[in-house]
Amino acid sequence: MEATQAIIADPEQSRVTPSWLRFRWRDVQERRDGLTIDTNITSPFMRVLAKLAPPVSPERGDEYWLAATRDTIVPTAAGFAILAVRDPHERRQRLAGGRAWQRLQLWAATQGLALQPLSQMTERADREQSTAASPRFGRALTELVGDGRWHALMTFRFGYPTAPAALSPRRPVEWVTL
């Protein structure tokens, strides 16, 4: 919750967050990435309403995100976890962490579990480093990992879903291969 609040309170970070949102159908089809209405609003009625309504202001979007984090995302999680590596800035370790995340996601699906990234703490820790700010979230992540030789690559929540997940857009293989 505090990391979400910190992102919202940081004008520059709050301003770039919507660049990951894909609310218009055309944007979903063109980019095939980011966060969509279908994958982020659980109520079918609210999904339809969000698609028909004009886009909300960044401030209103921040309010919605904070309320969803406080009222739905955090309290409905069965648990939280951290995927950690020795050096999160080393490319091979980041790739290995991404592969581990993919395998974990696939395994979880076979067990009827759902996993959802919660990047707020790691985003804030990165922001603290890039702005030379006091490492509040960086320290919190180190404490949560419990071993200073390991560093959080990503944080996520997990649990048993109460409704089927909406499908997210996928890029064609030719978009992501050389």
N, C-alpha and C. Protein backbone atom coordinates (compact mmCIF):
# COMPACT_ATOMS: atom_id res chain seq x y z
N MET A 1 0.82 -1.19 0.00
CA MET A 1 0.00 0.00 0.00
C MET A 1 0.87 1.25 0.00
N GLU A 2 1.88 1.25 0.85
CA GLU A 2 2.74 2.43 0.96
C GLU A 2 3.51 2.69 -0.34
N ALA A 3 3.91 1.63 -1.02
CA ALA A 3 4.62 1.82 -2.29
C ALA A 3 3.68 2.40 -3.35
N THR A 4 2.43 1.95 -3.37
CA THR A 4 1.45 2.51 -4.30
C THR A 4 1.25 3.99 -4.00
N GLN A 5 1.11 4.33 -2.73
CA GLN A 5 0.95 5.73 -2.34
C GLN A 5 2.17 6.55 -2.75
N ALA A 6 3.36 5.97 -2.60
CA ALA A 6 4.58 6.70 -2.95
C ALA A 6 4.66 6.95 -4.46
N ILE A 7 4.24 5.98 -5.26
CA ILE A 7 4.24 6.17 -6.71
C ILE A 7 3.28 7.30 -7.08
N ILE A 8 2.10 7.27 -6.50
CA ILE A 8 1.10 8.29 -6.78
C ILE A 8 1.58 9.68 -6.34
N ALA A 9 2.31 9.73 -5.23
CA ALA A 9 2.79 11.01 -4.69
C ALA A 9 3.98 11.56 -5.48
N ASP A 10 4.61 10.74 -6.30
CA ASP A 10 5.76 11.15 -7.10
C ASP A 10 5.23 11.61 -8.46
N PRO A 11 5.18 12.92 -8.72
CA PRO A 11 4.55 13.41 -9.96
C PRO A 11 5.10 12.78 -11.23
N GLU A 12 6.42 12.62 -11.31
CA GLU A 12 7.00 12.05 -12.53
C GLU A 12 6.64 10.58 -12.68
N GLN A 13 6.75 9.82 -11.60
CA GLN A 13 6.43 8.40 -11.68
C GLN A 13 4.94 8.19 -11.93
N SER A 14 4.11 8.99 -11.30
CA SER A 14 2.67 8.89 -11.51
C SER A 14 2.30 9.23 -12.95
N ARG A 15 3.00 10.19 -13.53
CA ARG A 15 2.72 10.62 -14.89
C ARG A 15 3.02 9.53 -15.92
N VAL A 16 4.06 8.72 -15.70
CA VAL A 16 4.42 7.70 -16.69
C VAL A 16 3.65 6.39 -16.51
N THR A 17 3.06 6.17 -15.35
CA THR A 17 2.32 4.92 -15.11
C THR A 17 1.25 4.66 -16.16
N PRO A 18 0.44 5.65 -16.55
CA PRO A 18 -0.60 5.37 -17.56
C PRO A 18 -0.06 4.91 -18.91
N SER A 19 1.23 5.11 -19.16
CA SER A 19 1.77 4.66 -20.45
C SER A 19 1.72 3.14 -20.59
N TRP A 20 1.52 2.43 -19.48
CA TRP A 20 1.39 0.98 -19.52
C TRP A 20 -0.05 0.52 -19.64
N LEU A 21 -0.99 1.43 -19.59
CA LEU A 21 -2.40 1.06 -19.64
C LEU A 21 -2.89 1.04 -21.07
N ARG A 22 -3.66 0.03 -21.41
CA ARG A 22 -4.23 -0.11 -22.76
C ARG A 22 -5.74 -0.18 -22.63
N PHE A 23 -6.38 0.97 -22.69
CA PHE A 23 -7.82 1.01 -22.52
C PHE A 23 -8.57 0.98 -23.84
N ARG A 24 -7.96 1.53 -24.88
CA ARG A 24 -8.63 1.54 -26.18
C ARG A 24 -8.32 0.23 -26.92
N TRP A 25 -9.34 -0.33 -27.57
CA TRP A 25 -9.18 -1.59 -28.29
C TRP A 25 -8.05 -1.50 -29.32
N ARG A 26 -7.97 -0.37 -30.00
CA ARG A 26 -6.92 -0.18 -31.00
C ARG A 26 -5.53 -0.30 -30.36
N ASP A 27 -5.35 0.29 -29.17
CA ASP A 27 -4.06 0.21 -28.49
C ASP A 27 -3.72 -1.23 -28.08
N VAL A 28 -4.73 -1.96 -27.62
CA VAL A 28 -4.53 -3.36 -27.25
C VAL A 28 -4.05 -4.15 -28.48
N GLN A 29 -4.71 -3.95 -29.61
CA GLN A 29 -4.37 -4.69 -30.82
C GLN A 29 -3.01 -4.28 -31.39
N GLU A 30 -2.68 -3.01 -31.30
CA GLU A 30 -1.41 -2.53 -31.85
C GLU A 30 -0.21 -2.92 -30.99
N ARG A 31 -0.35 -2.84 -29.67
CA ARG A 31 0.79 -3.03 -28.78
C ARG A 31 0.91 -4.45 -28.24
N ARG A 32 -0.23 -5.06 -27.91
CA ARG A 32 -0.25 -6.42 -27.35
C ARG A 32 0.60 -6.53 -26.10
N ASP A 33 0.56 -5.49 -25.28
CA ASP A 33 1.27 -5.51 -24.00
C ASP A 33 0.55 -4.60 -23.03
N GLY A 34 1.09 -4.45 -21.87
CA GLY A 34 0.52 -3.53 -20.89
C GLY A 34 -0.68 -4.10 -20.17
N LEU A 35 -1.34 -3.23 -19.44
CA LEU A 35 -2.49 -3.60 -18.62
C LEU A 35 -3.77 -3.19 -19.33
N THR A 36 -4.72 -4.10 -19.42
CA THR A 36 -5.96 -3.81 -20.11
C THR A 36 -7.13 -3.78 -19.13
N ILE A 37 -8.22 -3.20 -19.57
CA ILE A 37 -9.44 -3.18 -18.75
C ILE A 37 -9.86 -4.61 -18.42
N ASP A 38 -9.83 -5.48 -19.42
CA ASP A 38 -10.29 -6.86 -19.22
C ASP A 38 -9.49 -7.60 -18.16
N THR A 39 -8.21 -7.33 -18.07
CA THR A 39 -7.39 -8.07 -17.11
C THR A 39 -7.25 -7.36 -15.77
N ASN A 40 -7.80 -6.16 -15.64
CA ASN A 40 -7.62 -5.42 -14.38
C ASN A 40 -8.91 -5.05 -13.67
N ILE A 41 -10.03 -5.25 -14.30
CA ILE A 41 -11.30 -4.96 -13.63
C ILE A 41 -12.07 -6.27 -13.58
N THR A 42 -12.34 -6.75 -12.38
CA THR A 42 -12.91 -8.09 -12.24
C THR A 42 -14.41 -8.15 -12.50
N SER A 43 -15.13 -7.12 -12.18
CA SER A 43 -16.58 -7.13 -12.37
C SER A 43 -16.93 -6.96 -13.84
N PRO A 44 -17.68 -7.91 -14.43
CA PRO A 44 -18.07 -7.76 -15.84
C PRO A 44 -18.81 -6.45 -16.11
N PHE A 45 -19.68 -6.03 -15.18
CA PHE A 45 -20.41 -4.78 -15.35
C PHE A 45 -19.44 -3.60 -15.39
N MET A 46 -18.47 -3.57 -14.48
CA MET A 46 -17.52 -2.46 -14.44
C MET A 46 -16.61 -2.47 -15.67
N ARG A 47 -16.29 -3.65 -16.20
CA ARG A 47 -15.48 -3.72 -17.43
C ARG A 47 -16.21 -3.05 -18.58
N VAL A 48 -17.49 -3.38 -18.73
CA VAL A 48 -18.29 -2.77 -19.81
C VAL A 48 -18.37 -1.26 -19.60
N LEU A 49 -18.65 -0.85 -18.39
CA LEU A 49 -18.76 0.57 -18.08
C LEU A 49 -17.45 1.30 -18.39
N ALA A 50 -16.33 0.71 -18.00
CA ALA A 50 -15.02 1.34 -18.24
C ALA A 50 -14.72 1.47 -19.73
N LYS A 51 -15.18 0.50 -20.52
CA LYS A 51 -14.94 0.56 -21.96
C LYS A 51 -15.81 1.62 -22.64
N LEU A 52 -16.98 1.87 -22.09
CA LEU A 52 -17.89 2.83 -22.70
C LEU A 52 -17.63 4.26 -22.24
N ALA A 53 -17.11 4.41 -21.05
CA ALA A 53 -16.89 5.74 -20.48
C ALA A 53 -15.64 6.38 -21.10
N PRO A 54 -15.61 7.71 -21.13
CA PRO A 54 -14.39 8.37 -21.60
C PRO A 54 -13.25 8.11 -20.60
N PRO A 55 -12.01 8.20 -21.06
CA PRO A 55 -10.88 7.98 -20.14
C PRO A 55 -10.95 8.92 -18.94
N VAL A 56 -10.53 8.41 -17.79
CA VAL A 56 -10.53 9.22 -16.58
C VAL A 56 -9.25 10.02 -16.50
N SER A 57 -9.25 11.04 -15.67
CA SER A 57 -8.06 11.85 -15.46
C SER A 57 -6.99 11.02 -14.76
N PRO A 58 -5.72 11.40 -14.90
CA PRO A 58 -4.67 10.69 -14.19
C PRO A 58 -4.91 10.64 -12.67
N GLU A 59 -5.43 11.73 -12.12
CA GLU A 59 -5.70 11.76 -10.68
C GLU A 59 -6.77 10.74 -10.30
N ARG A 60 -7.81 10.68 -11.12
CA ARG A 60 -8.89 9.71 -10.87
C ARG A 60 -8.38 8.28 -11.04
N GLY A 61 -7.52 8.07 -12.02
CA GLY A 61 -6.91 6.76 -12.22
C GLY A 61 -6.07 6.35 -11.02
N ASP A 62 -5.30 7.30 -10.47
CA ASP A 62 -4.51 7.03 -9.27
C ASP A 62 -5.41 6.67 -8.09
N GLU A 63 -6.52 7.39 -7.94
CA GLU A 63 -7.47 7.10 -6.85
C GLU A 63 -8.03 5.69 -7.00
N TYR A 64 -8.39 5.32 -8.22
CA TYR A 64 -8.93 3.98 -8.47
C TYR A 64 -7.89 2.92 -8.14
N TRP A 65 -6.65 3.13 -8.60
CA TRP A 65 -5.57 2.17 -8.37
C TRP A 65 -5.32 1.99 -6.88
N LEU A 66 -5.26 3.09 -6.14
CA LEU A 66 -5.04 3.00 -4.70
C LEU A 66 -6.19 2.26 -4.02
N ALA A 67 -7.43 2.59 -4.39
CA ALA A 67 -8.60 1.91 -3.79
C ALA A 67 -8.59 0.42 -4.12
N ALA A 68 -8.27 0.08 -5.37
CA ALA A 68 -8.23 -1.34 -5.76
C ALA A 68 -7.14 -2.08 -5.00
N THR A 69 -5.98 -1.44 -4.82
CA THR A 69 -4.89 -2.06 -4.07
C THR A 69 -5.31 -2.29 -2.62
N ARG A 70 -5.90 -1.27 -2.03
CA ARG A 70 -6.32 -1.34 -0.62
C ARG A 70 -7.49 -2.29 -0.40
N ASP A 71 -8.50 -2.22 -1.27
CA ASP A 71 -9.76 -2.92 -1.02
C ASP A 71 -9.85 -4.30 -1.64
N THR A 72 -9.08 -4.56 -2.68
CA THR A 72 -9.20 -5.84 -3.38
C THR A 72 -7.87 -6.59 -3.47
N ILE A 73 -6.87 -5.96 -4.05
CA ILE A 73 -5.63 -6.67 -4.37
C ILE A 73 -4.92 -7.21 -3.12
N VAL A 74 -4.72 -6.37 -2.13
CA VAL A 74 -4.01 -6.83 -0.93
C VAL A 74 -4.87 -7.75 -0.06
N PRO A 75 -6.11 -7.37 0.27
CA PRO A 75 -6.86 -8.24 1.19
C PRO A 75 -7.30 -9.59 0.62
N THR A 76 -7.35 -9.74 -0.70
CA THR A 76 -7.80 -11.02 -1.26
C THR A 76 -6.65 -11.97 -1.54
N ALA A 77 -5.43 -11.54 -1.35
CA ALA A 77 -4.29 -12.43 -1.60
C ALA A 77 -4.16 -13.44 -0.46
N ALA A 78 -3.91 -14.69 -0.83
CA ALA A 78 -3.63 -15.70 0.18
C ALA A 78 -2.22 -15.51 0.72
N GLY A 79 -1.33 -14.97 -0.13
CA GLY A 79 0.03 -14.73 0.29
C GLY A 79 0.78 -13.86 -0.70
N PHE A 80 1.96 -13.49 -0.30
CA PHE A 80 2.84 -12.66 -1.13
C PHE A 80 4.20 -13.33 -1.20
N ALA A 81 4.92 -13.11 -2.29
CA ALA A 81 6.22 -13.74 -2.45
C ALA A 81 7.16 -12.82 -3.21
N ILE A 82 8.42 -13.14 -3.14
CA ILE A 82 9.47 -12.39 -3.82
C ILE A 82 10.32 -13.36 -4.62
N LEU A 83 10.54 -13.03 -5.87
CA LEU A 83 11.50 -13.75 -6.70
C LEU A 83 12.79 -12.96 -6.60
N ALA A 84 13.86 -13.60 -6.09
CA ALA A 84 15.11 -12.90 -5.83
C ALA A 84 16.27 -13.51 -6.62
N VAL A 85 17.23 -12.67 -6.93
CA VAL A 85 18.46 -13.07 -7.61
C VAL A 85 19.64 -12.41 -6.89
N ARG A 86 20.84 -12.86 -7.19
CA ARG A 86 22.03 -12.26 -6.55
C ARG A 86 22.27 -10.83 -7.03
N ASP A 87 22.14 -10.62 -8.34
CA ASP A 87 22.40 -9.29 -8.91
C ASP A 87 21.29 -8.94 -9.90
N PRO A 88 20.30 -8.15 -9.48
CA PRO A 88 19.18 -7.85 -10.37
C PRO A 88 19.55 -6.95 -11.55
N HIS A 89 20.76 -6.41 -11.57
CA HIS A 89 21.19 -5.56 -12.68
C HIS A 89 21.97 -6.34 -13.73
N GLU A 90 22.26 -7.60 -13.44
CA GLU A 90 22.99 -8.44 -14.38
C GLU A 90 22.00 -9.13 -15.31
N ARG A 91 22.18 -8.92 -16.61
CA ARG A 91 21.21 -9.37 -17.63
C ARG A 91 20.90 -10.87 -17.55
N ARG A 92 21.90 -11.71 -17.40
CA ARG A 92 21.64 -13.16 -17.37
C ARG A 92 20.77 -13.54 -16.17
N GLN A 93 21.01 -12.91 -15.05
CA GLN A 93 20.20 -13.22 -13.87
C GLN A 93 18.77 -12.73 -14.04
N ARG A 94 18.60 -11.59 -14.68
CA ARG A 94 17.25 -11.09 -14.95
C ARG A 94 16.50 -12.05 -15.89
N LEU A 95 17.19 -12.53 -16.91
CA LEU A 95 16.57 -13.49 -17.83
C LEU A 95 16.25 -14.80 -17.12
N ALA A 96 17.17 -15.28 -16.30
CA ALA A 96 16.91 -16.51 -15.53
C ALA A 96 15.73 -16.30 -14.58
N GLY A 97 15.65 -15.12 -13.98
CA GLY A 97 14.51 -14.80 -13.11
C GLY A 97 13.21 -14.78 -13.89
N GLY A 98 13.24 -14.23 -15.11
CA GLY A 98 12.04 -14.22 -15.95
C GLY A 98 11.62 -15.62 -16.34
N ARG A 99 12.58 -16.48 -16.67
CA ARG A 99 12.25 -17.87 -16.99
C ARG A 99 11.67 -18.58 -15.76
N ALA A 100 12.26 -18.33 -14.60
CA ALA A 100 11.73 -18.94 -13.37
C ALA A 100 10.29 -18.48 -13.12
N TRP A 101 10.03 -17.19 -13.36
CA TRP A 101 8.67 -16.66 -13.20
C TRP A 101 7.70 -17.36 -14.16
N GLN A 102 8.10 -17.53 -15.40
CA GLN A 102 7.23 -18.21 -16.38
C GLN A 102 6.94 -19.64 -15.94
N ARG A 103 7.95 -20.35 -15.50
CA ARG A 103 7.75 -21.73 -15.04
C ARG A 103 6.86 -21.77 -13.81
N LEU A 104 7.06 -20.85 -12.90
CA LEU A 104 6.24 -20.79 -11.70
C LEU A 104 4.78 -20.51 -12.06
N GLN A 105 4.56 -19.59 -12.98
CA GLN A 105 3.20 -19.28 -13.45
C GLN A 105 2.54 -20.52 -14.05
N LEU A 106 3.27 -21.22 -14.91
CA LEU A 106 2.71 -22.42 -15.55
C LEU A 106 2.41 -23.50 -14.51
N TRP A 107 3.33 -23.71 -13.59
CA TRP A 107 3.09 -24.71 -12.54
C TRP A 107 1.89 -24.31 -11.70
N ALA A 108 1.81 -23.06 -11.30
CA ALA A 108 0.69 -22.58 -10.47
C ALA A 108 -0.64 -22.84 -11.17
N ALA A 109 -0.67 -22.59 -12.48
CA ALA A 109 -1.91 -22.81 -13.23
C ALA A 109 -2.32 -24.28 -13.17
N THR A 110 -1.36 -25.21 -13.20
CA THR A 110 -1.71 -26.63 -13.11
C THR A 110 -2.26 -27.00 -11.74
N GLN A 111 -1.99 -26.15 -10.75
CA GLN A 111 -2.45 -26.41 -9.38
C GLN A 111 -3.71 -25.62 -9.03
N GLY A 112 -4.23 -24.88 -10.02
CA GLY A 112 -5.42 -24.06 -9.77
C GLY A 112 -5.13 -22.77 -9.03
N LEU A 113 -3.86 -22.37 -8.98
CA LEU A 113 -3.45 -21.14 -8.31
C LEU A 113 -3.34 -19.99 -9.31
N ALA A 114 -3.46 -18.78 -8.81
CA ALA A 114 -3.25 -17.59 -9.62
C ALA A 114 -2.11 -16.79 -9.01
N LEU A 115 -1.28 -16.22 -9.85
CA LEU A 115 -0.19 -15.35 -9.44
C LEU A 115 -0.35 -14.02 -10.15
N GLN A 116 -0.06 -12.94 -9.45
CA GLN A 116 -0.15 -11.61 -10.07
C GLN A 116 1.02 -10.76 -9.61
N PRO A 117 1.81 -10.24 -10.57
CA PRO A 117 2.90 -9.34 -10.17
C PRO A 117 2.36 -8.13 -9.40
N LEU A 118 3.10 -7.73 -8.40
CA LEU A 118 2.84 -6.49 -7.66
C LEU A 118 4.17 -5.73 -7.65
N SER A 119 4.36 -4.91 -8.63
CA SER A 119 5.67 -4.30 -8.85
C SER A 119 5.91 -3.00 -8.09
N GLN A 120 4.95 -2.57 -7.29
CA GLN A 120 5.08 -1.26 -6.66
C GLN A 120 6.36 -1.13 -5.82
N MET A 121 6.67 -2.12 -4.99
CA MET A 121 7.86 -2.00 -4.13
C MET A 121 9.14 -1.99 -4.94
N THR A 122 9.24 -2.86 -5.94
CA THR A 122 10.47 -2.89 -6.73
C THR A 122 10.59 -1.63 -7.60
N GLU A 123 9.46 -1.12 -8.09
CA GLU A 123 9.50 0.13 -8.85
C GLU A 123 9.99 1.28 -7.98
N ARG A 124 9.50 1.33 -6.76
CA ARG A 124 9.93 2.40 -5.86
C ARG A 124 11.40 2.24 -5.48
N ALA A 125 11.84 1.01 -5.25
CA ALA A 125 13.26 0.80 -4.93
C ALA A 125 14.14 1.25 -6.09
N ASP A 126 13.74 0.94 -7.33
CA ASP A 126 14.48 1.40 -8.49
C ASP A 126 14.46 2.92 -8.59
N ARG A 127 13.31 3.51 -8.31
CA ARG A 127 13.19 4.97 -8.36
C ARG A 127 14.09 5.62 -7.31
N GLU A 128 14.15 5.03 -6.14
CA GLU A 128 15.03 5.56 -5.08
C GLU A 128 16.48 5.55 -5.56
N GLN A 129 16.88 4.47 -6.22
CA GLN A 129 18.26 4.41 -6.73
C GLN A 129 18.50 5.45 -7.80
N SER A 130 17.55 5.61 -8.73
CA SER A 130 17.76 6.53 -9.85
C SER A 130 17.74 7.99 -9.42
N THR A 131 17.09 8.28 -8.31
CA THR A 131 17.02 9.67 -7.84
C THR A 131 17.90 9.92 -6.62
N ALA A 132 18.66 8.92 -6.21
CA ALA A 132 19.52 9.01 -5.03
C ALA A 132 18.72 9.37 -3.77
N ALA A 133 17.48 8.90 -3.73
CA ALA A 133 16.63 9.14 -2.56
C ALA A 133 16.97 8.11 -1.47
N SER A 134 16.52 8.39 -0.29
CA SER A 134 16.70 7.45 0.82
C SER A 134 16.06 6.11 0.42
N PRO A 135 16.77 5.00 0.61
CA PRO A 135 16.28 3.70 0.12
C PRO A 135 15.23 3.03 1.02
N ARG A 136 14.16 3.72 1.28
CA ARG A 136 13.10 3.18 2.15
C ARG A 136 12.58 1.83 1.65
N PHE A 137 12.17 1.76 0.39
CA PHE A 137 11.62 0.52 -0.15
C PHE A 137 12.72 -0.47 -0.48
N GLY A 138 13.89 0.03 -0.85
CA GLY A 138 15.03 -0.86 -1.06
C GLY A 138 15.39 -1.59 0.22
N ARG A 139 15.41 -0.86 1.34
CA ARG A 139 15.69 -1.49 2.64
C ARG A 139 14.59 -2.47 3.03
N ALA A 140 13.33 -2.07 2.78
CA ALA A 140 12.22 -2.96 3.13
C ALA A 140 12.31 -4.27 2.35
N LEU A 141 12.65 -4.19 1.07
CA LEU A 141 12.79 -5.41 0.27
C LEU A 141 13.94 -6.27 0.78
N THR A 142 15.05 -5.65 1.13
CA THR A 142 16.19 -6.40 1.67
C THR A 142 15.79 -7.12 2.95
N GLU A 143 15.06 -6.44 3.80
CA GLU A 143 14.60 -7.06 5.05
C GLU A 143 13.64 -8.22 4.77
N LEU A 144 12.75 -8.04 3.79
CA LEU A 144 11.80 -9.11 3.46
C LEU A 144 12.50 -10.33 2.87
N VAL A 145 13.52 -10.10 2.03
CA VAL A 145 14.27 -11.21 1.46
C VAL A 145 15.02 -11.94 2.58
N GLY A 146 15.55 -11.18 3.52
CA GLY A 146 16.19 -11.78 4.70
C GLY A 146 17.63 -12.21 4.51
N ASP A 147 18.23 -11.90 3.39
CA ASP A 147 19.62 -12.25 3.12
C ASP A 147 20.18 -11.19 2.19
N GLY A 148 21.12 -10.38 2.67
CA GLY A 148 21.67 -9.27 1.91
C GLY A 148 22.37 -9.67 0.63
N ARG A 149 22.66 -10.97 0.46
CA ARG A 149 23.31 -11.42 -0.78
C ARG A 149 22.30 -11.61 -1.91
N TRP A 150 21.00 -11.57 -1.59
CA TRP A 150 19.95 -11.75 -2.58
C TRP A 150 19.14 -10.46 -2.68
N HIS A 151 18.65 -10.17 -3.89
CA HIS A 151 17.92 -8.94 -4.13
C HIS A 151 16.60 -9.24 -4.85
N ALA A 152 15.57 -8.52 -4.47
CA ALA A 152 14.25 -8.73 -5.08
C ALA A 152 14.28 -8.36 -6.55
N LEU A 153 13.84 -9.28 -7.38
CA LEU A 153 13.68 -9.02 -8.80
C LEU A 153 12.24 -8.64 -9.07
N MET A 154 11.32 -9.37 -8.45
CA MET A 154 9.90 -9.03 -8.59
C MET A 154 9.14 -9.54 -7.37
N THR A 155 8.06 -8.86 -7.10
CA THR A 155 7.18 -9.25 -6.00
C THR A 155 5.83 -9.60 -6.61
N PHE A 156 5.11 -10.50 -5.95
CA PHE A 156 3.82 -10.92 -6.48
C PHE A 156 2.92 -11.44 -5.36
N ARG A 157 1.65 -11.55 -5.70
CA ARG A 157 0.68 -12.14 -4.79
C ARG A 157 0.22 -13.45 -5.39
N PHE A 158 -0.31 -14.33 -4.54
CA PHE A 158 -0.82 -15.60 -5.04
C PHE A 158 -2.03 -16.03 -4.24
N GLY A 159 -2.79 -16.94 -4.82
CA GLY A 159 -3.96 -17.47 -4.14
C GLY A 159 -4.82 -18.24 -5.12
N TYR A 160 -5.95 -18.70 -4.63
CA TYR A 160 -6.90 -19.40 -5.47
C TYR A 160 -7.88 -18.38 -6.04
N PRO A 161 -8.02 -18.32 -7.36
CA PRO A 161 -8.93 -17.33 -7.95
C PRO A 161 -10.39 -17.66 -7.63
N THR A 162 -11.17 -16.61 -7.51
CA THR A 162 -12.61 -16.79 -7.25
C THR A 162 -13.43 -16.66 -8.52
N ALA A 163 -12.78 -16.26 -9.61
CA ALA A 163 -13.45 -16.13 -10.92
C ALA A 163 -12.40 -16.40 -11.99
N PRO A 164 -12.83 -16.85 -13.16
CA PRO A 164 -11.85 -17.08 -14.23
C PRO A 164 -11.20 -15.76 -14.66
N ALA A 165 -9.94 -15.83 -14.98
CA ALA A 165 -9.21 -14.65 -15.43
C ALA A 165 -9.57 -14.34 -16.88
N ALA A 166 -9.67 -13.07 -17.19
CA ALA A 166 -9.85 -12.65 -18.58
C ALA A 166 -8.53 -12.84 -19.31
N LEU A 167 -8.61 -13.10 -20.59
CA LEU A 167 -7.40 -13.30 -21.37
C LEU A 167 -6.68 -11.98 -21.61
N SER A 168 -5.37 -12.03 -21.56
CA SER A 168 -4.57 -10.84 -21.85
C SER A 168 -4.04 -10.95 -23.28
N PRO A 169 -3.72 -9.81 -23.89
CA PRO A 169 -3.24 -9.86 -25.27
C PRO A 169 -1.88 -10.54 -25.34
N ARG A 170 -1.63 -11.19 -26.45
CA ARG A 170 -0.36 -11.86 -26.69
C ARG A 170 0.22 -11.36 -28.01
N ARG A 171 1.53 -11.18 -28.02
CA ARG A 171 2.21 -10.78 -29.25
C ARG A 171 2.47 -12.01 -30.10
N PRO A 172 2.39 -11.86 -31.42
CA PRO A 172 2.77 -12.97 -32.30
C PRO A 172 4.26 -13.27 -32.13
N VAL A 173 4.63 -14.52 -32.31
CA VAL A 173 6.02 -14.92 -32.12
C VAL A 173 6.98 -14.12 -32.99
N GLU A 174 6.55 -13.74 -34.20
CA GLU A 174 7.46 -12.99 -35.07
C GLU A 174 7.74 -11.58 -34.55
N TRP A 175 6.92 -11.08 -33.63
CA TRP A 175 7.18 -9.76 -33.04
C TRP A 175 8.32 -9.81 -32.02
N VAL A 176 8.59 -10.97 -31.48
CA VAL A 176 9.55 -11.05 -30.36
C VAL A 176 10.75 -11.92 -30.64
N THR A 177 10.91 -12.36 -31.89
CA THR A 177 12.08 -13.16 -32.24
C THR A 177 12.88 -12.45 -33.33
N LEU A 178 14.15 -12.73 -33.34
CA LEU A 178 15.06 -12.14 -34.36
C LEU A 178 15.30 -13.14 -35.46
